[in-house]
Amino acid sequence: MPMVAYIVAAFLSAVTSVATIIQPQWFELLFDEAPDDGDGSLETIVAVVVAALACVAFALLARREWRSARLARGTAPETRA
């Protein structure tokens, strides 16, 4: 199940980023609302936030993969006292 969340995060990040580059007012076109008065700032914020969430998701995935590889090799993470 977590892998689906990572794929969704990557997909949403790509879609919002590309949509913002191609059409900075995509939110207004999609929802027929202009909360930012049509200047594209909302779309940029949405794209940056989704990209940041995707980065966090991928960092968590990388950490999990790294830890499982260490456990598979028999070198458990050291505990700090």
Protein backbone atom coordinates (compact mmCIF):
# COMPACT_ATOMS: atom_id res chain seq x y z
CA MET A 1 0.00 0.00 0.00
CA PRO A 2 2.73 2.59 0.70
CA MET A 3 4.08 2.11 -2.83
CA VAL A 4 0.73 3.30 -4.22
CA ALA A 5 1.03 6.47 -2.14
CA TYR A 6 4.51 7.12 -3.56
CA ILE A 7 3.28 6.63 -7.11
CA VAL A 8 0.32 8.95 -6.52
CA ALA A 9 2.62 11.58 -4.98
CA ALA A 10 4.97 11.41 -7.97
CA PHE A 11 2.09 11.60 -10.43
CA LEU A 12 0.42 14.57 -8.71
CA SER A 13 3.75 16.36 -8.44
CA ALA A 14 4.43 15.91 -12.13
CA VAL A 15 0.92 16.90 -13.20
CA THR A 16 0.74 20.06 -11.06
CA SER A 17 4.27 21.13 -12.01
CA VAL A 18 3.74 20.65 -15.74
CA ALA A 19 0.29 22.24 -15.60
CA THR A 20 1.72 25.29 -13.81
CA ILE A 21 4.49 25.64 -16.40
CA ILE A 22 2.17 25.23 -19.39
CA GLN A 23 -0.85 27.14 -18.07
CA PRO A 24 -0.24 29.22 -14.91
CA GLN A 25 -4.01 29.70 -14.45
CA TRP A 26 -4.98 26.02 -14.58
CA PHE A 27 -6.85 26.24 -11.26
CA GLU A 28 -9.16 28.93 -12.65
CA LEU A 29 -9.79 26.88 -15.79
CA LEU A 30 -10.45 23.68 -13.85
CA PHE A 31 -12.64 25.02 -11.02
CA ASP A 32 -13.95 28.28 -12.52
CA GLU A 33 -12.73 30.16 -9.44
CA ALA A 34 -9.98 32.77 -9.10
CA PRO A 35 -8.87 32.87 -5.45
CA ASP A 36 -5.58 34.53 -6.50
CA ASP A 37 -7.23 36.96 -8.96
CA GLY A 38 -5.72 35.06 -11.89
CA ASP A 39 -2.05 35.82 -11.20
CA GLY A 40 -0.98 32.15 -10.93
CA SER A 41 0.37 32.33 -7.38
CA LEU A 42 -2.06 29.70 -6.06
CA GLU A 43 -1.03 27.28 -8.77
CA THR A 44 2.65 27.81 -7.98
CA ILE A 45 2.02 27.23 -4.28
CA VAL A 46 0.06 24.04 -5.04
CA ALA A 47 2.83 22.74 -7.31
CA VAL A 48 5.56 23.50 -4.74
CA VAL A 49 3.64 21.93 -1.85
CA VAL A 50 2.84 18.77 -3.83
CA ALA A 51 6.47 18.51 -4.96
CA ALA A 52 7.65 18.92 -1.35
CA LEU A 53 5.26 16.19 -0.20
CA ALA A 54 6.55 13.92 -2.96
CA CYS A 55 10.13 14.59 -1.83
CA VAL A 56 9.24 13.67 1.74
CA ALA A 57 7.50 10.52 0.56
CA PHE A 58 10.52 9.49 -1.51
CA ALA A 59 12.87 10.23 1.39
CA LEU A 60 10.79 7.97 3.63
CA LEU A 61 10.84 5.26 0.97
CA ALA A 62 14.62 5.57 0.60
CA ARG A 63 15.07 5.36 4.38
CA ARG A 64 12.89 2.27 4.56
CA GLU A 65 14.78 0.61 1.72
CA TRP A 66 18.13 1.49 3.30
CA ARG A 67 17.10 0.09 6.68
CA SER A 68 15.70 -3.12 5.19
CA ALA A 69 18.92 -3.61 3.20
CA ARG A 70 20.98 -3.21 6.38
CA LEU A 71 18.78 -5.70 8.21
CA ALA A 72 19.05 -8.16 5.33
CA ARG A 73 22.85 -7.96 5.53
CA GLY A 74 22.69 -8.58 9.25
CA THR A 75 23.95 -5.19 10.31
CA ALA A 76 21.19 -3.79 12.47
CA PRO A 77 21.13 -0.04 13.06
CA GLU A 78 23.11 0.99 16.09
CA THR A 79 21.25 2.37 19.06
CA ARG A 80 22.46 5.51 20.75
CA ALA A 81 22.78 5.52 24.49
